[in-house]
Amino acid sequence: MTAQMGQKDDAARGRVTRWLAASQMTQTALAERIGRNQAWMSRYLDGEFDTDLETLDRLAQAFGHTIFELLDTSADATEAEVIERWRALRPSGRKIVLEVLREWTPTAARGRTRSRTAGK
């Protein structure tokens, strides 16, 4: 892990601690919301270890925030909207959107991308 990510984890810990105090949610309740137990939550908040981005995202969502807010990073407004709309989709809708994105996004496997001037 990079030092920068470790610093982000430290910032996230502080923010989660503040959000916990403001919400009066217990560590046990928060841990349950993200699929962990209270012992894990206590050790994480004490800085015994860092966690992965998926867990950080679940922590942010437990308080109604985005991972961008948790990590105190800015997000492009359009990207933030895409993330919020993605989260609002049912699994069947996510599958459709992912298929469309794969179709629209050139991949290395195709070996080439379409010209922006094609069809003009």
PDB file of N, CA and C in Angstrom:
ATOM      1  N   MET A   1       0.832  -1.173   0.000  1.00  0.00           N
ATOM      2  CA  MET A   1       0.000   0.000   0.000  1.00  0.00           C
ATOM      3  C   MET A   1       0.877   1.236   0.000  1.00  0.00           C
ATOM      4  N   THR A   2       0.428   2.280  -0.670  1.00  0.00           N
ATOM      5  CA  THR A   2       1.205   3.496  -0.744  1.00  0.00           C
ATOM      6  C   THR A   2       1.007   4.332   0.509  1.00  0.00           C
ATOM      7  N   ALA A   3       1.955   5.211   0.757  1.00  0.00           N
ATOM      8  CA  ALA A   3       1.841   6.116   1.908  1.00  0.00           C
ATOM      9  C   ALA A   3       0.624   7.010   1.745  1.00  0.00           C
ATOM     10  N   GLN A   4       0.343   7.413   0.501  1.00  0.00           N
ATOM     11  CA  GLN A   4      -0.814   8.271   0.251  1.00  0.00           C
ATOM     12  C   GLN A   4      -2.104   7.571   0.642  1.00  0.00           C
ATOM     13  N   MET A   5      -2.242   6.282   0.317  1.00  0.00           N
ATOM     14  CA  MET A   5      -3.448   5.556   0.688  1.00  0.00           C
ATOM     15  C   MET A   5      -3.536   5.406   2.205  1.00  0.00           C
ATOM     16  N   GLY A   6      -2.416   5.195   2.856  1.00  0.00           N
ATOM     17  CA  GLY A   6      -2.409   5.128   4.311  1.00  0.00           C
ATOM     18  C   GLY A   6      -2.897   6.432   4.927  1.00  0.00           C
ATOM     19  N   GLN A   7      -2.496   7.561   4.342  1.00  0.00           N
ATOM     20  CA  GLN A   7      -2.966   8.858   4.814  1.00  0.00           C
ATOM     21  C   GLN A   7      -4.459   9.009   4.575  1.00  0.00           C
ATOM     22  N   LYS A   8      -4.934   8.509   3.435  1.00  0.00           N
ATOM     23  CA  LYS A   8      -6.370   8.566   3.140  1.00  0.00           C
ATOM     24  C   LYS A   8      -7.135   7.713   4.143  1.00  0.00           C
ATOM     25  N   ASP A   9      -6.596   6.559   4.491  1.00  0.00           N
ATOM     26  CA  ASP A   9      -7.238   5.696   5.479  1.00  0.00           C
ATOM     27  C   ASP A   9      -7.294   6.392   6.836  1.00  0.00           C
ATOM     28  N   ASP A  10      -6.219   7.089   7.200  1.00  0.00           N
ATOM     29  CA  ASP A  10      -6.212   7.832   8.461  1.00  0.00           C
ATOM     30  C   ASP A  10      -7.283   8.921   8.453  1.00  0.00           C
ATOM     31  N   ALA A  11      -7.394   9.630   7.333  1.00  0.00           N
ATOM     32  CA  ALA A  11      -8.418  10.673   7.212  1.00  0.00           C
ATOM     33  C   ALA A  11      -9.817  10.058   7.288  1.00  0.00           C
ATOM     34  N   ALA A  12      -9.980   8.907   6.635  1.00  0.00           N
ATOM     35  CA  ALA A  12     -11.281   8.227   6.657  1.00  0.00           C
ATOM     36  C   ALA A  12     -11.639   7.808   8.080  1.00  0.00           C
ATOM     37  N   ARG A  13     -10.667   7.294   8.822  1.00  0.00           N
ATOM     38  CA  ARG A  13     -10.912   6.908  10.218  1.00  0.00           C
ATOM     39  C   ARG A  13     -11.435   8.081  11.031  1.00  0.00           C
ATOM     40  N   GLY A  14     -10.781   9.219  10.878  1.00  0.00           N
ATOM     41  CA  GLY A  14     -11.196  10.409  11.609  1.00  0.00           C
ATOM     42  C   GLY A  14     -12.599  10.841  11.244  1.00  0.00           C
ATOM     43  N   ARG A  15     -12.889  10.790   9.950  1.00  0.00           N
ATOM     44  CA  ARG A  15     -14.221  11.194   9.484  1.00  0.00           C
ATOM     45  C   ARG A  15     -15.282  10.218   9.988  1.00  0.00           C
ATOM     46  N   VAL A  16     -15.014   8.919   9.926  1.00  0.00           N
ATOM     47  CA  VAL A  16     -15.968   7.916  10.422  1.00  0.00           C
ATOM     48  C   VAL A  16     -16.210   8.132  11.915  1.00  0.00           C
ATOM     49  N   THR A  17     -15.151   8.405  12.652  1.00  0.00           N
ATOM     50  CA  THR A  17     -15.288   8.643  14.091  1.00  0.00           C
ATOM     51  C   THR A  17     -16.188   9.856  14.350  1.00  0.00           C
ATOM     52  N   ARG A  18     -15.993  10.930  13.578  1.00  0.00           N
ATOM     53  CA  ARG A  18     -16.845  12.118  13.732  1.00  0.00           C
ATOM     54  C   ARG A  18     -18.283  11.819  13.333  1.00  0.00           C
ATOM     55  N   TRP A  19     -18.459  11.083  12.234  1.00  0.00           N
ATOM     56  CA  TRP A  19     -19.812  10.737  11.794  1.00  0.00           C
ATOM     57  C   TRP A  19     -20.506   9.857  12.829  1.00  0.00           C
ATOM     58  N   LEU A  20     -19.764   8.940  13.420  1.00  0.00           N
ATOM     59  CA  LEU A  20     -20.328   8.085  14.473  1.00  0.00           C
ATOM     60  C   LEU A  20     -20.826   8.929  15.640  1.00  0.00           C
ATOM     61  N   ALA A  21     -19.999   9.859  16.094  1.00  0.00           N
ATOM     62  CA  ALA A  21     -20.371  10.701  17.232  1.00  0.00           C
ATOM     63  C   ALA A  21     -21.590  11.561  16.901  1.00  0.00           C
ATOM     64  N   ALA A  22     -21.615  12.121  15.697  1.00  0.00           N
ATOM     65  CA  ALA A  22     -22.725  12.991  15.308  1.00  0.00           C
ATOM     66  C   ALA A  22     -24.031  12.221  15.147  1.00  0.00           C
ATOM     67  N   SER A  23     -23.926  10.994  14.688  1.00  0.00           N
ATOM     68  CA  SER A  23     -25.132  10.195  14.441  1.00  0.00           C
ATOM     69  C   SER A  23     -25.582   9.436  15.679  1.00  0.00           C
ATOM     70  N   GLN A  24     -24.719   9.325  16.655  1.00  0.00           N
ATOM     71  CA  GLN A  24     -24.964   8.535  17.861  1.00  0.00           C
ATOM     72  C   GLN A  24     -25.178   7.055  17.541  1.00  0.00           C
ATOM     73  N   MET A  25     -24.672   6.631  16.381  1.00  0.00           N
ATOM     74  CA  MET A  25     -24.693   5.218  16.010  1.00  0.00           C
ATOM     75  C   MET A  25     -23.579   4.517  16.782  1.00  0.00           C
ATOM     76  N   THR A  26     -23.787   3.281  17.139  1.00  0.00           N
ATOM     77  CA  THR A  26     -22.750   2.530  17.844  1.00  0.00           C
ATOM     78  C   THR A  26     -21.804   1.872  16.839  1.00  0.00           C
ATOM     79  N   GLN A  27     -20.617   1.528  17.306  1.00  0.00           N
ATOM     80  CA  GLN A  27     -19.679   0.783  16.465  1.00  0.00           C
ATOM     81  C   GLN A  27     -20.302  -0.537  16.035  1.00  0.00           C
ATOM     82  N   THR A  28     -21.051  -1.161  16.925  1.00  0.00           N
ATOM     83  CA  THR A  28     -21.685  -2.442  16.611  1.00  0.00           C
ATOM     84  C   THR A  28     -22.690  -2.285  15.470  1.00  0.00           C
ATOM     85  N   ALA A  29     -23.521  -1.244  15.540  1.00  0.00           N
ATOM     86  CA  ALA A  29     -24.517  -1.012  14.488  1.00  0.00           C
ATOM     87  C   ALA A  29     -23.843  -0.698  13.157  1.00  0.00           C
ATOM     88  N   LEU A  30     -22.805   0.126  13.195  1.00  0.00           N
ATOM     89  CA  LEU A  30     -22.083   0.454  11.962  1.00  0.00           C
ATOM     90  C   LEU A  30     -21.436  -0.793  11.378  1.00  0.00           C
ATOM     91  N   ALA A  31     -20.791  -1.576  12.219  1.00  0.00           N
ATOM     92  CA  ALA A  31     -20.143  -2.802  11.751  1.00  0.00           C
ATOM     93  C   ALA A  31     -21.153  -3.721  11.075  1.00  0.00           C
ATOM     94  N   GLU A  32     -22.327  -3.867  11.667  1.00  0.00           N
ATOM     95  CA  GLU A  32     -23.369  -4.723  11.069  1.00  0.00           C
ATOM     96  C   GLU A  32     -23.786  -4.196   9.705  1.00  0.00           C
ATOM     97  N   ARG A  33     -23.898  -2.869   9.576  1.00  0.00           N
ATOM     98  CA  ARG A  33     -24.308  -2.274   8.294  1.00  0.00           C
ATOM     99  C   ARG A  33     -23.319  -2.561   7.167  1.00  0.00           C
ATOM    100  N   ILE A  34     -22.050  -2.730   7.516  1.00  0.00           N
ATOM    101  CA  ILE A  34     -21.038  -2.949   6.468  1.00  0.00           C
ATOM    102  C   ILE A  34     -20.569  -4.401   6.407  1.00  0.00           C
ATOM    103  N   GLY A  35     -21.232  -5.283   7.146  1.00  0.00           N
ATOM    104  CA  GLY A  35     -20.901  -6.699   7.079  1.00  0.00           C
ATOM    105  C   GLY A  35     -19.679  -7.101   7.893  1.00  0.00           C
ATOM    106  N   ARG A  36     -19.385  -6.356   8.940  1.00  0.00           N
ATOM    107  CA  ARG A  36     -18.251  -6.667   9.819  1.00  0.00           C
ATOM    108  C   ARG A  36     -18.769  -6.833  11.244  1.00  0.00           C
ATOM    109  N   ASN A  37     -17.864  -7.070  12.188  1.00  0.00           N
ATOM    110  CA  ASN A  37     -18.287  -7.152  13.586  1.00  0.00           C
ATOM    111  C   ASN A  37     -17.665  -5.994  14.375  1.00  0.00           C
ATOM    112  N   GLN A  38     -18.106  -5.832  15.617  1.00  0.00           N
ATOM    113  CA  GLN A  38     -17.667  -4.702  16.439  1.00  0.00           C
ATOM    114  C   GLN A  38     -16.166  -4.752  16.701  1.00  0.00           C
ATOM    115  N   ALA A  39     -15.618  -5.927  16.902  1.00  0.00           N
ATOM    116  CA  ALA A  39     -14.177  -6.041  17.160  1.00  0.00           C
ATOM    117  C   ALA A  39     -13.376  -5.525  15.962  1.00  0.00           C
ATOM    118  N   TRP A  40     -13.802  -5.888  14.751  1.00  0.00           N
ATOM    119  CA  TRP A  40     -13.129  -5.402  13.546  1.00  0.00           C
ATOM    120  C   TRP A  40     -13.207  -3.880  13.504  1.00  0.00           C
ATOM    121  N   MET A  41     -14.404  -3.348  13.749  1.00  0.00           N
ATOM    122  CA  MET A  41     -14.603  -1.898  13.681  1.00  0.00           C
ATOM    123  C   MET A  41     -13.711  -1.181  14.691  1.00  0.00           C
ATOM    124  N   SER A  42     -13.651  -1.678  15.894  1.00  0.00           N
ATOM    125  CA  SER A  42     -12.829  -1.064  16.937  1.00  0.00           C
ATOM    126  C   SER A  42     -11.353  -1.079  16.544  1.00  0.00           C
ATOM    127  N   ARG A  43     -10.883  -2.205  16.055  1.00  0.00           N
ATOM    128  CA  ARG A  43      -9.478  -2.314  15.650  1.00  0.00           C
ATOM    129  C   ARG A  43      -9.175  -1.401  14.469  1.00  0.00           C
ATOM    130  N   TYR A  44     -10.107  -1.308  13.504  1.00  0.00           N
ATOM    131  CA  TYR A  44      -9.900  -0.416  12.359  1.00  0.00           C
ATOM    132  C   TYR A  44      -9.827   1.037  12.825  1.00  0.00           C
ATOM    133  N   LEU A  45     -10.791   1.447  13.640  1.00  0.00           N
ATOM    134  CA  LEU A  45     -10.820   2.835  14.104  1.00  0.00           C
ATOM    135  C   LEU A  45      -9.619   3.168  14.988  1.00  0.00           C
ATOM    136  N   ASP A  46      -9.062   2.183  15.658  1.00  0.00           N
ATOM    137  CA  ASP A  46      -7.858   2.385  16.467  1.00  0.00           C
ATOM    138  C   ASP A  46      -6.590   2.443  15.621  1.00  0.00           C
ATOM    139  N   GLY A  47      -6.714   2.200  14.315  1.00  0.00           N
ATOM    140  CA  GLY A  47      -5.569   2.290  13.419  1.00  0.00           C
ATOM    141  C   GLY A  47      -4.697   1.058  13.385  1.00  0.00           C
ATOM    142  N   GLU A  48      -5.225  -0.081  13.825  1.00  0.00           N
ATOM    143  CA  GLU A  48      -4.424  -1.310  13.822  1.00  0.00           C
ATOM    144  C   GLU A  48      -4.161  -1.813  12.405  1.00  0.00           C
ATOM    145  N   PHE A  49      -5.013  -1.444  11.468  1.00  0.00           N
ATOM    146  CA  PHE A  49      -4.845  -1.849  10.072  1.00  0.00           C
ATOM    147  C   PHE A  49      -5.630  -0.913   9.183  1.00  0.00           C
ATOM    148  N   ASP A  50      -5.336  -0.951   7.889  1.00  0.00           N
ATOM    149  CA  ASP A  50      -6.092  -0.200   6.884  1.00  0.00           C
ATOM    150  C   ASP A  50      -7.071  -1.153   6.229  1.00  0.00           C
ATOM    151  N   THR A  51      -7.991  -0.624   5.469  1.00  0.00           N
ATOM    152  CA  THR A  51      -8.973  -1.475   4.807  1.00  0.00           C
ATOM    153  C   THR A  51      -9.008  -1.199   3.311  1.00  0.00           C
ATOM    154  N   ASP A  52      -9.821  -1.941   2.590  1.00  0.00           N
ATOM    155  CA  ASP A  52      -9.902  -1.809   1.134  1.00  0.00           C
ATOM    156  C   ASP A  52     -10.927  -0.749   0.736  1.00  0.00           C
ATOM    157  N   LEU A  53     -10.899  -0.368  -0.527  1.00  0.00           N
ATOM    158  CA  LEU A  53     -11.801   0.666  -1.033  1.00  0.00           C
ATOM    159  C   LEU A  53     -13.264   0.258  -0.950  1.00  0.00           C
ATOM    160  N   GLU A  54     -13.558  -1.009  -1.172  1.00  0.00           N
ATOM    161  CA  GLU A  54     -14.938  -1.477  -1.101  1.00  0.00           C
ATOM    162  C   GLU A  54     -15.507  -1.266   0.302  1.00  0.00           C
ATOM    163  N   THR A  55     -14.731  -1.572   1.319  1.00  0.00           N
ATOM    164  CA  THR A  55     -15.187  -1.375   2.695  1.00  0.00           C
ATOM    165  C   THR A  55     -15.309   0.111   3.012  1.00  0.00           C
ATOM    166  N   LEU A  56     -14.378   0.921   2.532  1.00  0.00           N
ATOM    167  CA  LEU A  56     -14.481   2.362   2.725  1.00  0.00           C
ATOM    168  C   LEU A  56     -15.753   2.903   2.077  1.00  0.00           C
ATOM    169  N   ASP A  57     -16.074   2.388   0.908  1.00  0.00           N
ATOM    170  CA  ASP A  57     -17.300   2.799   0.223  1.00  0.00           C
ATOM    171  C   ASP A  57     -18.527   2.418   1.050  1.00  0.00           C
ATOM    172  N   ARG A  58     -18.539   1.211   1.607  1.00  0.00           N
ATOM    173  CA  ARG A  58     -19.663   0.785   2.447  1.00  0.00           C
ATOM    174  C   ARG A  58     -19.769   1.651   3.699  1.00  0.00           C
ATOM    175  N   LEU A  59     -18.628   2.022   4.273  1.00  0.00           N
ATOM    176  CA  LEU A  59     -18.640   2.914   5.434  1.00  0.00           C
ATOM    177  C   LEU A  59     -19.284   4.255   5.087  1.00  0.00           C
ATOM    178  N   ALA A  60     -18.888   4.821   3.967  1.00  0.00           N
ATOM    179  CA  ALA A  60     -19.465   6.106   3.545  1.00  0.00           C
ATOM    180  C   ALA A  60     -20.972   5.975   3.336  1.00  0.00           C
ATOM    181  N   GLN A  61     -21.377   4.906   2.637  1.00  0.00           N
ATOM    182  CA  GLN A  61     -22.797   4.708   2.360  1.00  0.00           C
ATOM    183  C   GLN A  61     -23.621   4.522   3.633  1.00  0.00           C
ATOM    184  N   ALA A  62     -23.025   3.929   4.655  1.00  0.00           N
ATOM    185  CA  ALA A  62     -23.744   3.716   5.919  1.00  0.00           C
ATOM    186  C   ALA A  62     -24.173   5.039   6.540  1.00  0.00           C
ATOM    187  N   PHE A  63     -23.462   6.106   6.216  1.00  0.00           N
ATOM    188  CA  PHE A  63     -23.803   7.428   6.736  1.00  0.00           C
ATOM    189  C   PHE A  63     -24.491   8.306   5.682  1.00  0.00           C
ATOM    190  N   GLY A  64     -24.780   7.733   4.516  1.00  0.00           N
ATOM    191  CA  GLY A  64     -25.435   8.496   3.457  1.00  0.00           C
ATOM    192  C   GLY A  64     -24.486   9.394   2.686  1.00  0.00           C
ATOM    193  N   HIS A  65     -23.213   9.051   2.693  1.00  0.00           N
ATOM    194  CA  HIS A  65     -22.205   9.844   1.989  1.00  0.00           C
ATOM    195  C   HIS A  65     -21.577   9.010   0.876  1.00  0.00           C
ATOM    196  N   THR A  66     -20.769   9.675   0.061  1.00  0.00           N
ATOM    197  CA  THR A  66     -20.030   8.980  -0.992  1.00  0.00           C
ATOM    198  C   THR A  66     -18.609   8.713  -0.511  1.00  0.00           C
ATOM    199  N   ILE A  67     -17.938   7.834  -1.208  1.00  0.00           N
ATOM    200  CA  ILE A  67     -16.536   7.560  -0.881  1.00  0.00           C
ATOM    201  C   ILE A  67     -15.684   8.807  -1.100  1.00  0.00           C
ATOM    202  N   PHE A  68     -16.105   9.668  -2.022  1.00  0.00           N
ATOM    203  CA  PHE A  68     -15.369  10.901  -2.272  1.00  0.00           C
ATOM    204  C   PHE A  68     -15.397  11.802  -1.032  1.00  0.00           C
ATOM    205  N   GLU A  69     -16.559  11.857  -0.382  1.00  0.00           N
ATOM    206  CA  GLU A  69     -16.673  12.651   0.845  1.00  0.00           C
ATOM    207  C   GLU A  69     -15.850  12.018   1.971  1.00  0.00           C
ATOM    208  N   LEU A  70     -15.898  10.701   2.060  1.00  0.00           N
ATOM    209  CA  LEU A  70     -15.152  10.009   3.103  1.00  0.00           C
ATOM    210  C   LEU A  70     -13.657  10.248   2.962  1.00  0.00           C
ATOM    211  N   LEU A  71     -13.155  10.169   1.745  1.00  0.00           N
ATOM    212  CA  LEU A  71     -11.725  10.330   1.502  1.00  0.00           C
ATOM    213  C   LEU A  71     -11.332  11.780   1.270  1.00  0.00           C
ATOM    214  N   ASP A  72     -12.322  12.674   1.331  1.00  0.00           N
ATOM    215  CA  ASP A  72     -12.095  14.101   1.153  1.00  0.00           C
ATOM    216  C   ASP A  72     -11.406  14.383  -0.179  1.00  0.00           C
ATOM    217  N   THR A  73     -11.951  13.788  -1.221  1.00  0.00           N
ATOM    218  CA  THR A  73     -11.451  14.047  -2.567  1.00  0.00           C
ATOM    219  C   THR A  73     -12.595  14.601  -3.392  1.00  0.00           C
ATOM    220  N   SER A  74     -12.254  15.372  -4.370  1.00  0.00           N
ATOM    221  CA  SER A  74     -13.298  15.927  -5.221  1.00  0.00           C
ATOM    222  C   SER A  74     -13.626  14.938  -6.326  1.00  0.00           C
ATOM    223  N   ALA A  75     -14.862  14.986  -6.734  1.00  0.00           N
ATOM    224  CA  ALA A  75     -15.308  14.137  -7.836  1.00  0.00           C
ATOM    225  C   ALA A  75     -15.939  15.025  -8.888  1.00  0.00           C
ATOM    226  N   ASP A  76     -15.734  14.652 -10.099  1.00  0.00           N
ATOM    227  CA  ASP A  76     -16.420  15.315 -11.185  1.00  0.00           C
ATOM    228  C   ASP A  76     -17.921  15.182 -10.952  1.00  0.00           C
ATOM    229  N   ALA A  77     -18.688  16.238 -11.157  1.00  0.00           N
ATOM    230  CA  ALA A  77     -20.125  16.222 -10.887  1.00  0.00           C
ATOM    231  C   ALA A  77     -20.834  15.142 -11.702  1.00  0.00           C
ATOM    232  N   THR A  78     -20.426  14.957 -12.940  1.00  0.00           N
ATOM    233  CA  THR A  78     -21.049  13.937 -13.779  1.00  0.00           C
ATOM    234  C   THR A  78     -20.727  12.543 -13.253  1.00  0.00           C
ATOM    235  N   GLU A  79     -19.478  12.336 -12.860  1.00  0.00           N
ATOM    236  CA  GLU A  79     -19.080  11.040 -12.309  1.00  0.00           C
ATOM    237  C   GLU A  79     -19.864  10.740 -11.034  1.00  0.00           C
ATOM    238  N   ALA A  80     -20.014  11.730 -10.187  1.00  0.00           N
ATOM    239  CA  ALA A  80     -20.781  11.550  -8.953  1.00  0.00           C
ATOM    240  C   ALA A  80     -22.235  11.187  -9.265  1.00  0.00           C
ATOM    241  N   GLU A  81     -22.804  11.822 -10.270  1.00  0.00           N
ATOM    242  CA  GLU A  81     -24.187  11.502 -10.648  1.00  0.00           C
ATOM    243  C   GLU A  81     -24.292  10.078 -11.170  1.00  0.00           C
ATOM    244  N   VAL A  82     -23.330   9.659 -11.990  1.00  0.00           N
ATOM    245  CA  VAL A  82     -23.328   8.285 -12.509  1.00  0.00           C
ATOM    246  C   VAL A  82     -23.273   7.294 -11.355  1.00  0.00           C
ATOM    247  N   ILE A  83     -22.430   7.543 -10.380  1.00  0.00           N
ATOM    248  CA  ILE A  83     -22.303   6.647  -9.223  1.00  0.00           C
ATOM    249  C   ILE A  83     -23.613   6.590  -8.448  1.00  0.00           C
ATOM    250  N   GLU A  84     -24.222   7.735  -8.205  1.00  0.00           N
ATOM    251  CA  GLU A  84     -25.485   7.759  -7.460  1.00  0.00           C
ATOM    252  C   GLU A  84     -26.588   7.022  -8.218  1.00  0.00           C
ATOM    253  N   ARG A  85     -26.666   7.237  -9.521  1.00  0.00           N
ATOM    254  CA  ARG A  85     -27.696   6.555 -10.311  1.00  0.00           C
ATOM    255  C   ARG A  85     -27.426   5.052 -10.378  1.00  0.00           C
ATOM    256  N   TRP A  86     -26.141   4.663 -10.475  1.00  0.00           N
ATOM    257  CA  TRP A  86     -25.761   3.241 -10.475  1.00  0.00           C
ATOM    258  C   TRP A  86     -26.242   2.583  -9.192  1.00  0.00           C
ATOM    259  N   ARG A  87     -25.999   3.234  -8.064  1.00  0.00           N
ATOM    260  CA  ARG A  87     -26.394   2.671  -6.775  1.00  0.00           C
ATOM    261  C   ARG A  87     -27.905   2.531  -6.642  1.00  0.00           C
ATOM    262  N   ALA A  88     -28.640   3.370  -7.338  1.00  0.00           N
ATOM    263  CA  ALA A  88     -30.100   3.326  -7.257  1.00  0.00           C
ATOM    264  C   ALA A  88     -30.701   2.208  -8.112  1.00  0.00           C
ATOM    265  N   LEU A  89     -29.907   1.632  -9.008  1.00  0.00           N
ATOM    266  CA  LEU A  89     -30.409   0.584  -9.896  1.00  0.00           C
ATOM    267  C   LEU A  89     -30.580  -0.754  -9.184  1.00  0.00           C
ATOM    268  N   ARG A  90     -31.537  -1.521  -9.658  1.00  0.00           N
ATOM    269  CA  ARG A  90     -31.675  -2.909  -9.220  1.00  0.00           C
ATOM    270  C   ARG A  90     -30.600  -3.726  -9.939  1.00  0.00           C
ATOM    271  N   PRO A  91     -30.292  -4.919  -9.430  1.00  0.00           N
ATOM    272  CA  PRO A  91     -29.261  -5.744 -10.081  1.00  0.00           C
ATOM    273  C   PRO A  91     -29.522  -5.982 -11.575  1.00  0.00           C
ATOM    274  N   SER A  92     -30.770  -6.191 -11.954  1.00  0.00           N
ATOM    275  CA  SER A  92     -31.063  -6.419 -13.374  1.00  0.00           C
ATOM    276  C   SER A  92     -30.748  -5.175 -14.204  1.00  0.00           C
ATOM    277  N   GLY A  93     -31.014  -4.003 -13.655  1.00  0.00           N
ATOM    278  CA  GLY A  93     -30.688  -2.758 -14.348  1.00  0.00           C
ATOM    279  C   GLY A  93     -29.200  -2.548 -14.459  1.00  0.00           C
ATOM    280  N   ARG A  94     -28.470  -2.915 -13.403  1.00  0.00           N
ATOM    281  CA  ARG A  94     -27.009  -2.785 -13.437  1.00  0.00           C
ATOM    282  C   ARG A  94     -26.413  -3.654 -14.535  1.00  0.00           C
ATOM    283  N   LYS A  95     -26.978  -4.852 -14.709  1.00  0.00           N
ATOM    284  CA  LYS A  95     -26.477  -5.760 -15.743  1.00  0.00           C
ATOM    285  C   LYS A  95     -26.645  -5.130 -17.122  1.00  0.00           C
ATOM    286  N   ILE A  96     -27.797  -4.519 -17.360  1.00  0.00           N
ATOM    287  CA  ILE A  96     -28.065  -3.888 -18.656  1.00  0.00           C
ATOM    288  C   ILE A  96     -27.108  -2.718 -18.891  1.00  0.00           C
ATOM    289  N   VAL A  97     -26.951  -1.871 -17.880  1.00  0.00           N
ATOM    290  CA  VAL A  97     -26.069  -0.714 -18.009  1.00  0.00           C
ATOM    291  C   VAL A  97     -24.639  -1.164 -18.271  1.00  0.00           C
ATOM    292  N   LEU A  98     -24.188  -2.176 -17.573  1.00  0.00           N
ATOM    293  CA  LEU A  98     -22.835  -2.675 -17.773  1.00  0.00           C
ATOM    294  C   LEU A  98     -22.649  -3.210 -19.195  1.00  0.00           C
ATOM    295  N   GLU A  99     -23.654  -3.906 -19.707  1.00  0.00           N
ATOM    296  CA  GLU A  99     -23.577  -4.403 -21.088  1.00  0.00           C
ATOM    297  C   GLU A  99     -23.479  -3.243 -22.077  1.00  0.00           C
ATOM    298  N   VAL A 100     -24.268  -2.191 -21.866  1.00  0.00           N
ATOM    299  CA  VAL A 100     -24.234  -1.025 -22.750  1.00  0.00           C
ATOM    300  C   VAL A 100     -22.867  -0.346 -22.676  1.00  0.00           C
ATOM    301  N   LEU A 101     -22.351  -0.166 -21.462  1.00  0.00           N
ATOM    302  CA  LEU A 101     -21.039   0.468 -21.313  1.00  0.00           C
ATOM    303  C   LEU A 101     -19.941  -0.333 -21.996  1.00  0.00           C
ATOM    304  N   ARG A 102     -20.014  -1.646 -21.863  1.00  0.00           N
ATOM    305  CA  ARG A 102     -19.014  -2.484 -22.539  1.00  0.00           C
ATOM    306  C   ARG A 102     -19.108  -2.342 -24.054  1.00  0.00           C
ATOM    307  N   GLU A 103     -20.323  -2.232 -24.552  1.00  0.00           N
ATOM    308  CA  GLU A 103     -20.525  -2.072 -25.992  1.00  0.00           C
ATOM    309  C   GLU A 103     -20.002  -0.714 -26.460  1.00  0.00           C
ATOM    310  N   TRP A 104     -20.237   0.311 -25.695  1.00  0.00           N
ATOM    311  CA  TRP A 104     -19.852   1.669 -26.077  1.00  0.00           C
ATOM    312  C   TRP A 104     -18.381   1.973 -25.851  1.00  0.00           C
ATOM    313  N   THR A 105     -17.728   1.210 -24.970  1.00  0.00           N
ATOM    314  CA  THR A 105     -16.344   1.501 -24.599  1.00  0.00           C
ATOM    315  C   THR A 105     -15.398   0.606 -25.367  1.00  0.00           C
ATOM    316  N   PRO A 106     -14.501   1.201 -26.138  1.00  0.00           N
ATOM    317  CA  PRO A 106     -13.520   0.382 -26.861  1.00  0.00           C
ATOM    318  C   PRO A 106     -12.619  -0.359 -25.871  1.00  0.00           C
ATOM    319  N   THR A 107     -12.272  -1.573 -26.235  1.00  0.00           N
ATOM    320  CA  THR A 107     -11.370  -2.352 -25.383  1.00  0.00           C
ATOM    321  C   THR A 107     -10.149  -2.761 -26.172  1.00  0.00           C
ATOM    322  N   ALA A 108      -9.120  -3.122 -25.466  1.00  0.00           N
ATOM    323  CA  ALA A 108      -7.878  -3.572 -26.108  1.00  0.00           C
ATOM    324  C   ALA A 108      -8.118  -4.833 -26.916  1.00  0.00           C
ATOM    325  N   ALA A 109      -9.086  -5.642 -26.498  1.00  0.00           N
ATOM    326  CA  ALA A 109      -9.360  -6.894 -27.198  1.00  0.00           C
ATOM    327  C   ALA A 109      -9.836  -6.639 -28.625  1.00  0.00           C
ATOM    328  N   ARG A 110     -10.503  -5.533 -28.839  1.00  0.00           N
ATOM    329  CA  ARG A 110     -10.981  -5.206 -30.176  1.00  0.00           C
ATOM    330  C   ARG A 110      -9.841  -4.733 -31.071  1.00  0.00           C
ATOM    331  N   GLY A 111      -8.777  -4.246 -30.448  1.00  0.00           N
ATOM    332  CA  GLY A 111      -7.597  -3.867 -31.210  1.00  0.00           C
ATOM    333  C   GLY A 111      -7.634  -2.484 -31.831  1.00  0.00           C
ATOM    334  N   ARG A 112      -8.780  -1.854 -31.864  1.00  0.00           N
ATOM    335  CA  ARG A 112      -8.830  -0.503 -32.433  1.00  0.00           C
ATOM    336  C   ARG A 112     -10.072   0.196 -31.911  1.00  0.00           C
ATOM    337  N   THR A 113     -10.073   1.492 -32.067  1.00  0.00           N
ATOM    338  CA  THR A 113     -11.238   2.279 -31.690  1.00  0.00           C
ATOM    339  C   THR A 113     -11.790   2.932 -32.938  1.00  0.00           C
ATOM    340  N   ARG A 114     -13.045   3.309 -32.863  1.00  0.00           N
ATOM    341  CA  ARG A 114     -13.634   3.982 -34.017  1.00  0.00           C
ATOM    342  C   ARG A 114     -13.171   5.414 -34.078  1.00  0.00           C
ATOM    343  N   SER A 115     -12.987   5.897 -35.272  1.00  0.00           N
ATOM    344  CA  SER A 115     -12.583   7.275 -35.487  1.00  0.00           C
ATOM    345  C   SER A 115     -13.723   8.205 -35.099  1.00  0.00           C
ATOM    346  N   ARG A 116     -13.393   9.331 -34.533  1.00  0.00           N
ATOM    347  CA  ARG A 116     -14.412  10.323 -34.183  1.00  0.00           C
ATOM    348  C   ARG A 116     -15.047  10.913 -35.419  1.00  0.00           C
ATOM    349  N   THR A 117     -14.369  10.814 -36.539  1.00  0.00           N
ATOM    350  CA  THR A 117     -14.905  11.385 -37.775  1.00  0.00           C
ATOM    351  C   THR A 117     -15.645  10.358 -38.592  1.00  0.00           C
ATOM    352  N   ALA A 118     -15.691   9.117 -38.135  1.00  0.00           N
ATOM    353  CA  ALA A 118     -16.392   8.073 -38.897  1.00  0.00           C
ATOM    354  C   ALA A 118     -17.854   8.415 -39.027  1.00  0.00           C
ATOM    355  N   GLY A 119     -18.396   8.273 -40.186  1.00  0.00           N
ATOM    356  CA  GLY A 119     -19.805   8.490 -40.432  1.00  0.00           C
ATOM    357  C   GLY A 119     -20.174   9.941 -40.648  1.00  0.00           C
ATOM    358  N   LYS A 120     -19.183  10.823 -40.728  1.00  0.00           N
ATOM    359  CA  LYS A 120     -19.483  12.247 -40.942  1.00  0.00           C
ATOM    360  C   LYS A 120     -19.424  12.589 -42.385  1.00  0.00           C
TER     361      LYS A 120
END
